[in-house]
PDB file of N, CA and C in Angstrom:
ATOM      1  N   UNK A   1      84.775 130.468 101.581  1.00  0.00           N
ATOM      2  CA  UNK A   1      84.254 131.455 102.488  1.00  0.00           C
ATOM      3  C   UNK A   1      82.777 131.208 102.782  1.00  0.00           C
ATOM      4  N   UNK A   2      82.014 130.807 101.798  1.00  0.00           N
ATOM      5  CA  UNK A   2      80.596 130.598 101.992  1.00  0.00           C
ATOM      6  C   UNK A   2      80.261 129.119 102.105  1.00  0.00           C
ATOM      7  N   UNK A   3      81.193 128.320 102.649  1.00  0.00           N
ATOM      8  CA  UNK A   3      80.960 126.884 102.753  1.00  0.00           C
ATOM      9  C   UNK A   3      79.824 126.564 103.710  1.00  0.00           C
ATOM     10  N   UNK A   4      79.692 127.324 104.784  1.00  0.00           N
ATOM     11  CA  UNK A   4      78.702 126.991 105.798  1.00  0.00           C
ATOM     12  C   UNK A   4      77.425 127.821 105.666  1.00  0.00           C
ATOM     13  N   UNK A   5      77.323 128.673 104.661  1.00  0.00           N
ATOM     14  CA  UNK A   5      76.126 129.492 104.479  1.00  0.00           C
ATOM     15  C   UNK A   5      75.194 128.756 103.530  1.00  0.00           C
ATOM     16  N   UNK A   6      73.974 128.503 104.002  1.00  0.00           N
ATOM     17  CA  UNK A   6      73.001 127.798 103.183  1.00  0.00           C
ATOM     18  C   UNK A   6      72.066 128.769 102.480  1.00  0.00           C
ATOM     19  N   UNK A   7      71.165 128.184 101.698  1.00  0.00           N
ATOM     20  CA  UNK A   7      70.222 129.011 100.934  1.00  0.00           C
ATOM     21  C   UNK A   7      69.270 129.775 101.844  1.00  0.00           C
ATOM     22  N   UNK A   8      68.910 129.190 102.958  1.00  0.00           N
ATOM     23  CA  UNK A   8      68.001 129.871 103.880  1.00  0.00           C
ATOM     24  C   UNK A   8      68.641 131.136 104.440  1.00  0.00           C
ATOM     25  N   UNK A   9      69.923 131.055 104.800  1.00  0.00           N
ATOM     26  CA  UNK A   9      70.611 132.230 105.329  1.00  0.00           C
ATOM     27  C   UNK A   9      70.723 133.321 104.270  1.00  0.00           C
ATOM     28  N   UNK A  10      71.006 132.920 103.032  1.00  0.00           N
ATOM     29  CA  UNK A  10      71.098 133.902 101.945  1.00  0.00           C
ATOM     30  C   UNK A  10      69.745 134.577 101.732  1.00  0.00           C
ATOM     31  N   UNK A  11      68.669 133.794 101.800  1.00  0.00           N
ATOM     32  CA  UNK A  11      67.325 134.354 101.642  1.00  0.00           C
ATOM     33  C   UNK A  11      67.008 135.332 102.764  1.00  0.00           C
ATOM     34  N   UNK A  12      67.372 134.979 103.994  1.00  0.00           N
ATOM     35  CA  UNK A  12      67.132 135.877 105.133  1.00  0.00           C
ATOM     36  C   UNK A  12      67.920 137.169 104.954  1.00  0.00           C
ATOM     37  N   UNK A  13      69.183 137.072 104.523  1.00  0.00           N
ATOM     38  CA  UNK A  13      69.984 138.275 104.292  1.00  0.00           C
ATOM     39  C   UNK A  13      69.393 139.144 103.187  1.00  0.00           C
ATOM     40  N   UNK A  14      68.857 138.526 102.148  1.00  0.00           N
ATOM     41  CA  UNK A  14      68.242 139.297 101.067  1.00  0.00           C
ATOM     42  C   UNK A  14      66.994 140.018 101.555  1.00  0.00           C
ATOM     43  N   UNK A  15      66.173 139.362 102.355  1.00  0.00           N
ATOM     44  CA  UNK A  15      64.962 140.003 102.878  1.00  0.00           C
ATOM     45  C   UNK A  15      65.329 141.135 103.821  1.00  0.00           C
ATOM     46  N   UNK A  16      66.327 140.911 104.690  1.00  0.00           N
ATOM     47  CA  UNK A  16      66.771 141.987 105.598  1.00  0.00           C
ATOM     48  C   UNK A  16      67.335 143.147 104.782  1.00  0.00           C
ATOM     49  N   UNK A  17      68.118 142.843 103.755  1.00  0.00           N
ATOM     50  CA  UNK A  17      68.655 143.897 102.898  1.00  0.00           C
ATOM     51  C   UNK A  17      67.554 144.659 102.187  1.00  0.00           C
ATOM     52  N   UNK A  18      66.506 143.971 101.791  1.00  0.00           N
ATOM     53  CA  UNK A  18      65.371 144.623 101.139  1.00  0.00           C
ATOM     54  C   UNK A  18      64.693 145.589 102.094  1.00  0.00           C
ATOM     55  N   UNK A  19      64.535 145.181 103.346  1.00  0.00           N
ATOM     56  CA  UNK A  19      63.897 146.071 104.323  1.00  0.00           C
ATOM     57  C   UNK A  19      64.810 147.229 104.719  1.00  0.00           C
ATOM     58  N   UNK A  20      66.088 146.984 104.883  1.00  0.00           N
ATOM     59  CA  UNK A  20      67.006 148.038 105.334  1.00  0.00           C
ATOM     60  C   UNK A  20      67.298 149.032 104.213  1.00  0.00           C
ATOM     61  N   UNK A  21      67.651 148.528 103.039  1.00  0.00           N
ATOM     62  CA  UNK A  21      68.037 149.416 101.947  1.00  0.00           C
ATOM     63  C   UNK A  21      66.846 149.879 101.106  1.00  0.00           C
ATOM     64  N   UNK A  22      65.846 149.081 101.042  1.00  0.00           N
ATOM     65  CA  UNK A  22      64.718 149.413 100.182  1.00  0.00           C
ATOM     66  C   UNK A  22      64.955 148.859  98.791  1.00  0.00           C
ATOM     67  N   UNK A  23      63.890 148.764  98.003  1.00  0.00           N
ATOM     68  CA  UNK A  23      64.029 148.167  96.671  1.00  0.00           C
ATOM     69  C   UNK A  23      64.835 149.035  95.704  1.00  0.00           C
ATOM     70  N   UNK A  24      64.943 150.330  95.957  1.00  0.00           N
ATOM     71  CA  UNK A  24      65.692 151.201  95.038  1.00  0.00           C
ATOM     72  C   UNK A  24      67.199 151.023  95.200  1.00  0.00           C
ATOM     73  N   UNK A  25      67.657 150.911  96.450  1.00  0.00           N
ATOM     74  CA  UNK A  25      69.098 150.866  96.707  1.00  0.00           C
ATOM     75  C   UNK A  25      69.648 149.446  96.877  1.00  0.00           C
ATOM     76  N   UNK A  26      68.795 148.433  96.864  1.00  0.00           N
ATOM     77  CA  UNK A  26      69.258 147.054  97.058  1.00  0.00           C
ATOM     78  C   UNK A  26      70.226 146.603  95.959  1.00  0.00           C
ATOM     79  N   UNK A  27      69.979 146.848  94.659  1.00  0.00           N
ATOM     80  CA  UNK A  27      70.960 146.435  93.647  1.00  0.00           C
ATOM     81  C   UNK A  27      72.310 147.128  93.807  1.00  0.00           C
ATOM     82  N   UNK A  28      72.308 148.393  94.185  1.00  0.00           N
ATOM     83  CA  UNK A  28      73.571 149.106  94.403  1.00  0.00           C
ATOM     84  C   UNK A  28      74.317 148.526  95.598  1.00  0.00           C
ATOM     85  N   UNK A  29      73.594 148.184  96.650  1.00  0.00           N
ATOM     86  CA  UNK A  29      74.225 147.584  97.831  1.00  0.00           C
ATOM     87  C   UNK A  29      74.807 146.216  97.530  1.00  0.00           C
ATOM     88  N   UNK A  30      74.094 145.418  96.736  1.00  0.00           N
ATOM     89  CA  UNK A  30      74.599 144.099  96.364  1.00  0.00           C
ATOM     90  C   UNK A  30      75.853 144.224  95.496  1.00  0.00           C
ATOM     91  N   UNK A  31      75.847 145.195  94.575  1.00  0.00           N
ATOM     92  CA  UNK A  31      77.026 145.413  93.730  1.00  0.00           C
ATOM     93  C   UNK A  31      78.217 145.856  94.576  1.00  0.00           C
ATOM     94  N   UNK A  32      77.980 146.753  95.536  1.00  0.00           N
ATOM     95  CA  UNK A  32      79.056 147.208  96.418  1.00  0.00           C
ATOM     96  C   UNK A  32      79.603 146.032  97.232  1.00  0.00           C
ATOM     97  N   UNK A  33      78.718 145.177  97.753  1.00  0.00           N
ATOM     98  CA  UNK A  33      79.152 144.028  98.540  1.00  0.00           C
ATOM     99  C   UNK A  33      79.976 143.064  97.686  1.00  0.00           C
ATOM    100  N   UNK A  34      79.555 142.838  96.443  1.00  0.00           N
ATOM    101  CA  UNK A  34      80.307 141.962  95.546  1.00  0.00           C
ATOM    102  C   UNK A  34      81.688 142.501  95.249  1.00  0.00           C
ATOM    103  N   UNK A  35      81.779 143.824  94.971  1.00  0.00           N
ATOM    104  CA  UNK A  35      83.086 144.435  94.710  1.00  0.00           C
ATOM    105  C   UNK A  35      83.996 144.341  95.927  1.00  0.00           C
ATOM    106  N   UNK A  36      83.440 144.566  97.111  1.00  0.00           N
ATOM    107  CA  UNK A  36      84.235 144.525  98.337  1.00  0.00           C
ATOM    108  C   UNK A  36      84.763 143.120  98.598  1.00  0.00           C
ATOM    109  N   UNK A  37      83.920 142.119  98.433  1.00  0.00           N
ATOM    110  CA  UNK A  37      84.369 140.735  98.643  1.00  0.00           C
ATOM    111  C   UNK A  37      85.437 140.366  97.630  1.00  0.00           C
ATOM    112  N   UNK A  38      85.259 140.762  96.377  1.00  0.00           N
ATOM    113  CA  UNK A  38      86.256 140.484  95.342  1.00  0.00           C
ATOM    114  C   UNK A  38      87.582 141.138  95.691  1.00  0.00           C
ATOM    115  N   UNK A  39      87.548 142.384  96.175  1.00  0.00           N
ATOM    116  CA  UNK A  39      88.769 143.092  96.530  1.00  0.00           C
ATOM    117  C   UNK A  39      89.473 142.425  97.714  1.00  0.00           C
ATOM    118  N   UNK A  40      88.712 141.980  98.686  1.00  0.00           N
ATOM    119  CA  UNK A  40      89.302 141.299  99.845  1.00  0.00           C
ATOM    120  C   UNK A  40      89.968 139.998  99.404  1.00  0.00           C
ATOM    121  N   UNK A  41      89.321 139.268  98.496  1.00  0.00           N
ATOM    122  CA  UNK A  41      89.932 138.027  97.989  1.00  0.00           C
ATOM    123  C   UNK A  41      91.224 138.328  97.236  1.00  0.00           C
ATOM    124  N   UNK A  42      91.235 139.393  96.452  1.00  0.00           N
ATOM    125  CA  UNK A  42      92.457 139.769  95.732  1.00  0.00           C
ATOM    126  C   UNK A  42      93.570 140.119  96.702  1.00  0.00           C
ATOM    127  N   UNK A  43      93.244 140.844  97.777  1.00  0.00           N
ATOM    128  CA  UNK A  43      94.253 141.179  98.789  1.00  0.00           C
ATOM    129  C   UNK A  43      94.797 139.910  99.444  1.00  0.00           C
ATOM    130  N   UNK A  44      93.911 138.974  99.774  1.00  0.00           N
ATOM    131  CA  UNK A  44      94.356 137.739 100.422  1.00  0.00           C
ATOM    132  C   UNK A  44      95.217 136.917  99.475  1.00  0.00           C
ATOM    133  N   UNK A  45      94.836 136.847  98.202  1.00  0.00           N
ATOM    134  CA  UNK A  45      95.634 136.103  97.223  1.00  0.00           C
ATOM    135  C   UNK A  45      96.998 136.752  97.038  1.00  0.00           C
ATOM    136  N   UNK A  46      97.027 138.073  96.978  1.00  0.00           N
ATOM    137  CA  UNK A  46      98.299 138.781  96.839  1.00  0.00           C
ATOM    138  C   UNK A  46      99.209 138.555  98.035  1.00  0.00           C
ATOM    139  N   UNK A  47      98.645 138.600  99.227  1.00  0.00           N
ATOM    140  CA  UNK A  47      99.450 138.368 100.432  1.00  0.00           C
ATOM    141  C   UNK A  47      99.984 136.941 100.447  1.00  0.00           C
ATOM    142  N   UNK A  48      99.163 135.984 100.040  1.00  0.00           N
ATOM    143  CA  UNK A  48      99.603 134.592 100.009  1.00  0.00           C
ATOM    144  C   UNK A  48     100.729 134.409  99.006  1.00  0.00           C
ATOM    145  N   UNK A  49     100.589 134.989  97.832  1.00  0.00           N
ATOM    146  CA  UNK A  49     101.634 134.875  96.813  1.00  0.00           C
ATOM    147  C   UNK A  49     102.922 135.561  97.258  1.00  0.00           C
ATOM    148  N   UNK A  50     102.799 136.696  97.945  1.00  0.00           N
ATOM    149  CA  UNK A  50     103.987 137.384  98.436  1.00  0.00           C
ATOM    150  C   UNK A  50     104.702 136.542  99.493  1.00  0.00           C
ATOM    151  N   UNK A  51     103.945 135.936 100.407  1.00  0.00           N
ATOM    152  CA  UNK A  51     104.561 135.059 101.405  1.00  0.00           C
ATOM    153  C   UNK A  51     105.227 133.859 100.731  1.00  0.00           C
ATOM    154  N   UNK A  52     104.560 133.297  99.740  1.00  0.00           N
ATOM    155  CA  UNK A  52     105.113 132.136  99.049  1.00  0.00           C
ATOM    156  C   UNK A  52     106.423 132.497  98.350  1.00  0.00           C
ATOM    157  N   UNK A  53     106.470 133.667  97.726  1.00  0.00           N
ATOM    158  CA  UNK A  53     107.686 134.060  97.016  1.00  0.00           C
ATOM    159  C   UNK A  53     108.822 134.391  97.988  1.00  0.00           C
ATOM    160  N   UNK A  54     108.502 134.971  99.142  1.00  0.00           N
ATOM    161  CA  UNK A  54     109.545 135.333 100.105  1.00  0.00           C
ATOM    162  C   UNK A  54     110.033 134.128 100.906  1.00  0.00           C
ATOM    163  N   UNK A  55     109.120 133.225 101.278  1.00  0.00           N
ATOM    164  CA  UNK A  55     109.516 132.091 102.099  1.00  0.00           C
ATOM    165  C   UNK A  55     110.013 130.916 101.281  1.00  0.00           C
ATOM    166  N   UNK A  56     109.562 130.801 100.049  1.00  0.00           N
ATOM    167  CA  UNK A  56     110.001 129.697  99.195  1.00  0.00           C
ATOM    168  C   UNK A  56     109.467 128.371  99.690  1.00  0.00           C
ATOM    169  N   UNK A  57     110.339 127.355  99.791  1.00  0.00           N
ATOM    170  CA  UNK A  57     109.869 126.023 100.213  1.00  0.00           C
ATOM    171  C   UNK A  57     109.424 125.979 101.669  1.00  0.00           C
ATOM    172  N   UNK A  58     109.833 126.954 102.463  1.00  0.00           N
ATOM    173  CA  UNK A  58     109.416 126.975 103.865  1.00  0.00           C
ATOM    174  C   UNK A  58     107.930 127.293 104.004  1.00  0.00           C
ATOM    175  N   UNK A  59     107.333 127.836 102.945  1.00  0.00           N
ATOM    176  CA  UNK A  59     105.908 128.168 102.991  1.00  0.00           C
ATOM    177  C   UNK A  59     105.066 126.907 103.165  1.00  0.00           C
ATOM    178  N   UNK A  60     105.469 125.823 102.497  1.00  0.00           N
ATOM    179  CA  UNK A  60     104.727 124.566 102.626  1.00  0.00           C
ATOM    180  C   UNK A  60     104.865 123.995 104.035  1.00  0.00           C
ATOM    181  N   UNK A  61     106.038 124.187 104.661  1.00  0.00           N
ATOM    182  CA  UNK A  61     106.220 123.741 106.037  1.00  0.00           C
ATOM    183  C   UNK A  61     105.352 124.560 106.987  1.00  0.00           C
ATOM    184  N   UNK A  62     105.118 125.821 106.646  1.00  0.00           N
ATOM    185  CA  UNK A  62     104.262 126.677 107.456  1.00  0.00           C
ATOM    186  C   UNK A  62     102.795 126.272 107.310  1.00  0.00           C
ATOM    187  N   UNK A  63     102.438 125.783 106.134  1.00  0.00           N
ATOM    188  CA  UNK A  63     101.044 125.397 105.892  1.00  0.00           C
ATOM    189  C   UNK A  63     100.661 124.110 106.612  1.00  0.00           C
ATOM    190  N   UNK A  64     101.623 123.229 106.882  1.00  0.00           N
ATOM    191  CA  UNK A  64     101.316 121.945 107.518  1.00  0.00           C
ATOM    192  C   UNK A  64     100.639 122.125 108.875  1.00  0.00           C
ATOM    193  N   UNK A  65     101.171 122.939 109.795  1.00  0.00           N
ATOM    194  CA  UNK A  65     100.466 123.122 111.076  1.00  0.00           C
ATOM    195  C   UNK A  65      99.086 123.766 110.891  1.00  0.00           C
ATOM    196  N   UNK A  66      98.951 124.619 109.891  1.00  0.00           N
ATOM    197  CA  UNK A  66      97.643 125.226 109.654  1.00  0.00           C
ATOM    198  C   UNK A  66      96.633 124.192 109.175  1.00  0.00           C
ATOM    199  N   UNK A  67      97.090 123.252 108.355  1.00  0.00           N
ATOM    200  CA  UNK A  67      96.198 122.179 107.912  1.00  0.00           C
ATOM    201  C   UNK A  67      95.816 121.293 109.097  1.00  0.00           C
ATOM    202  N   UNK A  68      96.756 121.071 110.023  1.00  0.00           N
ATOM    203  CA  UNK A  68      96.437 120.291 111.219  1.00  0.00           C
ATOM    204  C   UNK A  68      95.387 121.005 112.061  1.00  0.00           C
ATOM    205  N   UNK A  69      95.490 122.324 112.144  1.00  0.00           N
ATOM    206  CA  UNK A  69      94.491 123.085 112.893  1.00  0.00           C
ATOM    207  C   UNK A  69      93.126 123.010 112.225  1.00  0.00           C
ATOM    208  N   UNK A  70      93.098 122.983 110.894  1.00  0.00           N
ATOM    209  CA  UNK A  70      91.817 122.818 110.205  1.00  0.00           C
ATOM    210  C   UNK A  70      91.210 121.460 110.491  1.00  0.00           C
ATOM    211  N   UNK A  71      92.059 120.461 110.689  1.00  0.00           N
ATOM    212  CA  UNK A  71      91.567 119.127 111.009  1.00  0.00           C
ATOM    213  C   UNK A  71      90.902 119.077 112.372  1.00  0.00           C
ATOM    214  N   UNK A  72      91.281 119.968 113.269  1.00  0.00           N
ATOM    215  CA  UNK A  72      90.672 120.012 114.594  1.00  0.00           C
ATOM    216  C   UNK A  72      89.206 120.413 114.489  1.00  0.00           C
ATOM    217  N   UNK A  73      88.871 121.184 113.471  1.00  0.00           N
ATOM    218  CA  UNK A  73      87.488 121.608 113.299  1.00  0.00           C
ATOM    219  C   UNK A  73      86.576 120.397 113.119  1.00  0.00           C
ATOM    220  N   UNK A  74      87.065 119.346 112.475  1.00  0.00           N
ATOM    221  CA  UNK A  74      86.292 118.133 112.264  1.00  0.00           C
ATOM    222  C   UNK A  74      86.694 117.047 113.254  1.00  0.00           C
ATOM    223  N   UNK A  75      87.057 117.451 114.470  1.00  0.00           N
ATOM    224  CA  UNK A  75      87.561 116.528 115.477  1.00  0.00           C
ATOM    225  C   UNK A  75      86.441 115.630 115.978  1.00  0.00           C
ATOM    226  N   UNK A  76      86.708 114.332 115.980  1.00  0.00           N
ATOM    227  CA  UNK A  76      85.779 113.348 116.508  1.00  0.00           C
ATOM    228  C   UNK A  76      86.490 112.638 117.647  1.00  0.00           C
ATOM    229  N   UNK A  77      86.074 112.847 118.893  1.00  0.00           N
ATOM    230  CA  UNK A  77      86.797 112.245 120.015  1.00  0.00           C
ATOM    231  C   UNK A  77      86.817 110.722 119.955  1.00  0.00           C
ATOM    232  N   UNK A  78      85.753 110.116 119.494  1.00  0.00           N
ATOM    233  CA  UNK A  78      85.697 108.650 119.431  1.00  0.00           C
ATOM    234  C   UNK A  78      86.765 108.119 118.486  1.00  0.00           C
ATOM    235  N   UNK A  79      86.909 108.759 117.321  1.00  0.00           N
ATOM    236  CA  UNK A  79      87.917 108.328 116.367  1.00  0.00           C
ATOM    237  C   UNK A  79      89.320 108.546 116.916  1.00  0.00           C
ATOM    238  N   UNK A  80      89.540 109.683 117.588  1.00  0.00           N
ATOM    239  CA  UNK A  80      90.870 109.981 118.123  1.00  0.00           C
ATOM    240  C   UNK A  80      91.274 108.980 119.200  1.00  0.00           C
ATOM    241  N   UNK A  81      90.358 108.668 120.105  1.00  0.00           N
ATOM    242  CA  UNK A  81      90.676 107.716 121.176  1.00  0.00           C
ATOM    243  C   UNK A  81      90.905 106.331 120.593  1.00  0.00           C
ATOM    244  N   UNK A  82      90.074 105.942 119.623  1.00  0.00           N
ATOM    245  CA  UNK A  82      90.244 104.636 118.992  1.00  0.00           C
ATOM    246  C   UNK A  82      91.587 104.544 118.299  1.00  0.00           C
ATOM    247  N   UNK A  83      91.952 105.589 117.561  1.00  0.00           N
ATOM    248  CA  UNK A  83      93.233 105.585 116.857  1.00  0.00           C
ATOM    249  C   UNK A  83      94.391 105.537 117.844  1.00  0.00           C
ATOM    250  N   UNK A  84      94.264 106.255 118.955  1.00  0.00           N
ATOM    251  CA  UNK A  84      95.348 106.310 119.929  1.00  0.00           C
ATOM    252  C   UNK A  84      95.487 104.988 120.695  1.00  0.00           C
ATOM    253  N   UNK A  85      94.383 104.430 121.129  1.00  0.00           N
ATOM    254  CA  UNK A  85      94.447 103.239 121.964  1.00  0.00           C
ATOM    255  C   UNK A  85      94.598 101.946 121.178  1.00  0.00           C
ATOM    256  N   UNK A  86      93.979 101.861 120.012  1.00  0.00           N
ATOM    257  CA  UNK A  86      93.936 100.601 119.299  1.00  0.00           C
ATOM    258  C   UNK A  86      94.668 100.642 117.976  1.00  0.00           C
ATOM    259  N   UNK A  87      95.484 101.631 117.737  1.00  0.00           N
ATOM    260  CA  UNK A  87      96.270 101.755 116.509  1.00  0.00           C
ATOM    261  C   UNK A  87      95.403 101.658 115.263  1.00  0.00           C
ATOM    262  N   UNK A  88      94.281 102.333 115.268  1.00  0.00           N
ATOM    263  CA  UNK A  88      93.423 102.400 114.102  1.00  0.00           C
ATOM    264  C   UNK A  88      92.366 101.326 114.031  1.00  0.00           C
ATOM    265  N   UNK A  89      92.491 100.272 114.832  1.00  0.00           N
ATOM    266  CA  UNK A  89      91.462  99.238 114.833  1.00  0.00           C
ATOM    267  C   UNK A  89      90.282  99.753 115.641  1.00  0.00           C
ATOM    268  N   UNK A  90      89.105  99.665 115.090  1.00  0.00           N
ATOM    269  CA  UNK A  90      87.934 100.136 115.800  1.00  0.00           C
ATOM    270  C   UNK A  90      87.270  98.955 116.490  1.00  0.00           C
ATOM    271  N   UNK A  91      87.346  98.878 117.816  1.00  0.00           N
ATOM    272  CA  UNK A  91      86.751  97.743 118.505  1.00  0.00           C
ATOM    273  C   UNK A  91      85.227  97.786 118.475  1.00  0.00           C
ATOM    274  N   UNK A  92      84.664  98.897 118.073  1.00  0.00           N
ATOM    275  CA  UNK A  92      83.213  99.022 118.059  1.00  0.00           C
ATOM    276  C   UNK A  92      82.612  98.691 116.706  1.00  0.00           C
ATOM    277  N   UNK A  93      83.429  98.254 115.744  1.00  0.00           N
ATOM    278  CA  UNK A  93      82.895  97.858 114.449  1.00  0.00           C
ATOM    279  C   UNK A  93      82.004  96.644 114.627  1.00  0.00           C
ATOM    280  N   UNK A  94      80.886  96.637 113.972  1.00  0.00           N
ATOM    281  CA  UNK A  94      79.986  95.507 114.013  1.00  0.00           C
ATOM    282  C   UNK A  94      78.982  95.551 115.143  1.00  0.00           C
ATOM    283  N   UNK A  95      79.064  96.537 116.015  1.00  0.00           N
ATOM    284  CA  UNK A  95      78.105  96.641 117.104  1.00  0.00           C
ATOM    285  C   UNK A  95      76.851  97.308 116.563  1.00  0.00           C
ATOM    286  N   UNK A  96      75.720  96.733 116.860  1.00  0.00           N
ATOM    287  CA  UNK A  96      74.457  97.295 116.395  1.00  0.00           C
ATOM    288  C   UNK A  96      74.035  98.429 117.312  1.00  0.00           C
ATOM    289  N   UNK A  97      72.928  99.063 116.990  1.00  0.00           N
ATOM    290  CA  UNK A  97      72.452 100.211 117.753  1.00  0.00           C
ATOM    291  C   UNK A  97      72.123  99.892 119.198  1.00  0.00           C
ATOM    292  N   UNK A  98      71.772  98.640 119.510  1.00  0.00           N
ATOM    293  CA  UNK A  98      71.430  98.297 120.884  1.00  0.00           C
ATOM    294  C   UNK A  98      72.636  97.833 121.691  1.00  0.00           C
ATOM    295  N   UNK A  99      73.835  97.884 121.114  1.00  0.00           N
ATOM    296  CA  UNK A  99      75.044  97.517 121.823  1.00  0.00           C
ATOM    297  C   UNK A  99      75.407  96.054 121.696  1.00  0.00           C
ATOM    298  N   UNK A 100      74.642  95.287 120.951  1.00  0.00           N
ATOM    299  CA  UNK A 100      74.911  93.862 120.789  1.00  0.00           C
ATOM    300  C   UNK A 100      75.866  93.648 119.638  1.00  0.00           C
ATOM    301  N   UNK A 101      76.901  92.878 119.870  1.00  0.00           N
ATOM    302  CA  UNK A 101      77.840  92.514 118.815  1.00  0.00           C
ATOM    303  C   UNK A 101      77.673  91.027 118.547  1.00  0.00           C
ATOM    304  N   UNK A 102      77.183  90.686 117.368  1.00  0.00           N
ATOM    305  CA  UNK A 102      77.052  89.260 117.073  1.00  0.00           C
ATOM    306  C   UNK A 102      78.430  88.634 116.946  1.00  0.00           C
ATOM    307  N   UNK A 103      78.625  87.536 117.645  1.00  0.00           N
ATOM    308  CA  UNK A 103      79.930  86.878 117.616  1.00  0.00           C
ATOM    309  C   UNK A 103      79.773  85.490 117.027  1.00  0.00           C
ATOM    310  N   UNK A 104      80.681  85.139 116.197  1.00  0.00           N
ATOM    311  CA  UNK A 104      80.775  83.781 115.669  1.00  0.00           C
ATOM    312  C   UNK A 104      82.200  83.322 115.885  1.00  0.00           C
ATOM    313  N   UNK A 105      82.373  82.251 116.602  1.00  0.00           N
ATOM    314  CA  UNK A 105      83.741  81.795 116.840  1.00  0.00           C
ATOM    315  C   UNK A 105      84.397  81.389 115.530  1.00  0.00           C
ATOM    316  N   UNK A 106      85.606  81.860 115.277  1.00  0.00           N
ATOM    317  CA  UNK A 106      86.260  81.555 114.016  1.00  0.00           C
ATOM    318  C   UNK A 106      86.707  80.094 113.909  1.00  0.00           C
ATOM    319  N   UNK A 107      86.836  79.399 115.052  1.00  0.00           N
ATOM    320  CA  UNK A 107      87.358  78.040 115.001  1.00  0.00           C
ATOM    321  C   UNK A 107      86.286  77.005 114.647  1.00  0.00           C
ATOM    322  N   UNK A 108      85.012  77.353 114.717  1.00  0.00           N
ATOM    323  CA  UNK A 108      83.962  76.384 114.421  1.00  0.00           C
ATOM    324  C   UNK A 108      83.352  76.693 113.056  1.00  0.00           C
ATOM    325  N   UNK A 109      83.741  75.940 112.036  1.00  0.00           N
ATOM    326  CA  UNK A 109      83.135  76.179 110.729  1.00  0.00           C
ATOM    327  C   UNK A 109      81.697  75.688 110.723  1.00  0.00           C
ATOM    328  N   UNK A 110      80.869  76.339 109.933  1.00  0.00           N
ATOM    329  CA  UNK A 110      79.473  75.928 109.836  1.00  0.00           C
ATOM    330  C   UNK A 110      79.392  74.617 109.051  1.00  0.00           C
ATOM    331  N   UNK A 111      78.568  73.683 109.542  1.00  0.00           N
ATOM    332  CA  UNK A 111      78.446  72.412 108.806  1.00  0.00           C
ATOM    333  C   UNK A 111      77.709  72.639 107.491  1.00  0.00           C
ATOM    334  N   UNK A 112      78.062  71.821 106.527  1.00  0.00           N
ATOM    335  CA  UNK A 112      77.403  71.911 105.230  1.00  0.00           C
ATOM    336  C   UNK A 112      75.966  71.445 105.384  1.00  0.00           C
ATOM    337  N   UNK A 113      75.046  72.224 104.903  1.00  0.00           N
ATOM    338  CA  UNK A 113      73.650  71.834 104.953  1.00  0.00           C
ATOM    339  C   UNK A 113      73.250  71.303 103.586  1.00  0.00           C
ATOM    340  N   UNK A 114      72.516  70.197 103.629  1.00  0.00           N
ATOM    341  CA  UNK A 114      72.043  69.630 102.381  1.00  0.00           C
ATOM    342  C   UNK A 114      70.525  69.609 102.421  1.00  0.00           C
ATOM    343  N   UNK A 115      69.895  69.665 101.280  1.00  0.00           N
ATOM    344  CA  UNK A 115      68.435  69.612 101.284  1.00  0.00           C
ATOM    345  C   UNK A 115      67.950  68.235 101.711  1.00  0.00           C
ATOM    346  N   UNK A 116      66.790  68.217 102.346  1.00  0.00           N
ATOM    347  CA  UNK A 116      66.216  66.947 102.792  1.00  0.00           C
ATOM    348  C   UNK A 116      65.721  66.151 101.589  1.00  0.00           C
ATOM    349  N   UNK A 117      65.906  64.863 101.686  1.00  0.00           N
ATOM    350  CA  UNK A 117      65.401  63.980 100.627  1.00  0.00           C
ATOM    351  C   UNK A 117      63.881  63.862 100.778  1.00  0.00           C
ATOM    352  N   UNK A 118      63.172  63.527  99.721  1.00  0.00           N
ATOM    353  CA  UNK A 118      61.717  63.375  99.847  1.00  0.00           C
ATOM    354  C   UNK A 118      61.377  62.300 100.871  1.00  0.00           C
ATOM    355  N   UNK A 119      60.513  62.634 101.813  1.00  0.00           N
ATOM    356  CA  UNK A 119      60.082  61.702 102.858  1.00  0.00           C
ATOM    357  C   UNK A 119      61.001  61.681 104.062  1.00  0.00           C
ATOM    358  N   UNK A 120      62.150  62.348 104.023  1.00  0.00           N
ATOM    359  CA  UNK A 120      63.091  62.369 105.150  1.00  0.00           C
ATOM    360  C   UNK A 120      62.601  63.364 106.201  1.00  0.00           C
ATOM    361  N   UNK A 121      62.695  62.956 107.456  1.00  0.00           N
ATOM    362  CA  UNK A 121      62.263  63.834 108.542  1.00  0.00           C
ATOM    363  C   UNK A 121      63.407  64.751 108.941  1.00  0.00           C
ATOM    364  N   UNK A 122      63.100  66.005 109.292  1.00  0.00           N
ATOM    365  CA  UNK A 122      64.164  66.913 109.725  1.00  0.00           C
ATOM    366  C   UNK A 122      64.746  66.461 111.057  1.00  0.00           C
ATOM    367  N   UNK A 123      66.004  66.858 111.339  1.00  0.00           N
ATOM    368  CA  UNK A 123      66.613  66.458 112.596  1.00  0.00           C
ATOM    369  C   UNK A 123      65.851  67.065 113.779  1.00  0.00           C
ATOM    370  N   UNK A 124      65.828  66.315 114.882  1.00  0.00           N
ATOM    371  CA  UNK A 124      65.066  66.743 116.048  1.00  0.00           C
ATOM    372  C   UNK A 124      65.956  66.583 117.273  1.00  0.00           C
ATOM    373  N   UNK A 125      66.067  67.652 118.052  1.00  0.00           N
ATOM    374  CA  UNK A 125      66.894  67.629 119.255  1.00  0.00           C
ATOM    375  C   UNK A 125      65.966  67.613 120.464  1.00  0.00           C
ATOM    376  N   UNK A 126      65.961  66.515 121.188  1.00  0.00           N
ATOM    377  CA  UNK A 126      65.065  66.372 122.317  1.00  0.00           C
ATOM    378  C   UNK A 126      65.434  67.344 123.428  1.00  0.00           C
ATOM    379  N   UNK A 127      66.734  67.586 123.628  1.00  0.00           N
ATOM    380  CA  UNK A 127      67.171  68.468 124.721  1.00  0.00           C
ATOM    381  C   UNK A 127      66.832  69.938 124.433  1.00  0.00           C
ATOM    382  N   UNK A 128      66.656  70.291 123.204  1.00  0.00           N
ATOM    383  CA  UNK A 128      66.414  71.688 122.863  1.00  0.00           C
ATOM    384  C   UNK A 128      64.936  72.067 122.992  1.00  0.00           C
ATOM    385  N   UNK A 129      64.058  71.078 123.120  1.00  0.00           N
ATOM    386  CA  UNK A 129      62.633  71.402 123.202  1.00  0.00           C
ATOM    387  C   UNK A 129      62.100  71.361 124.585  1.00  0.00           C
TER     388      UNK A 129
END
């Protein structure tokens, strides 16, 4: 329930509660809020258990579409289109931030490089200079 509430929001609520209720009634208000939340959770747990007992194995089949709906909350269109069009292969893997994808042809193996012998001159390509 409090997955998306951060410490800053809790601090703001405490300060607002301090101003609205005052320092005398703030502990009583916090206790009332805690009891109410606990009671609501108990009601929700009881309803879930009652549905589970009445529906039996069909309850898990009912939960599957609900889990799919929860997945929509974290929907990423780029991932969905990639999965749909390319069967999970991401064609954008390896692309840097500027859009450049370094390519190395798989058919050309890199030649073995050996260290130069003492006094040996490095190779020189006249056309490249």
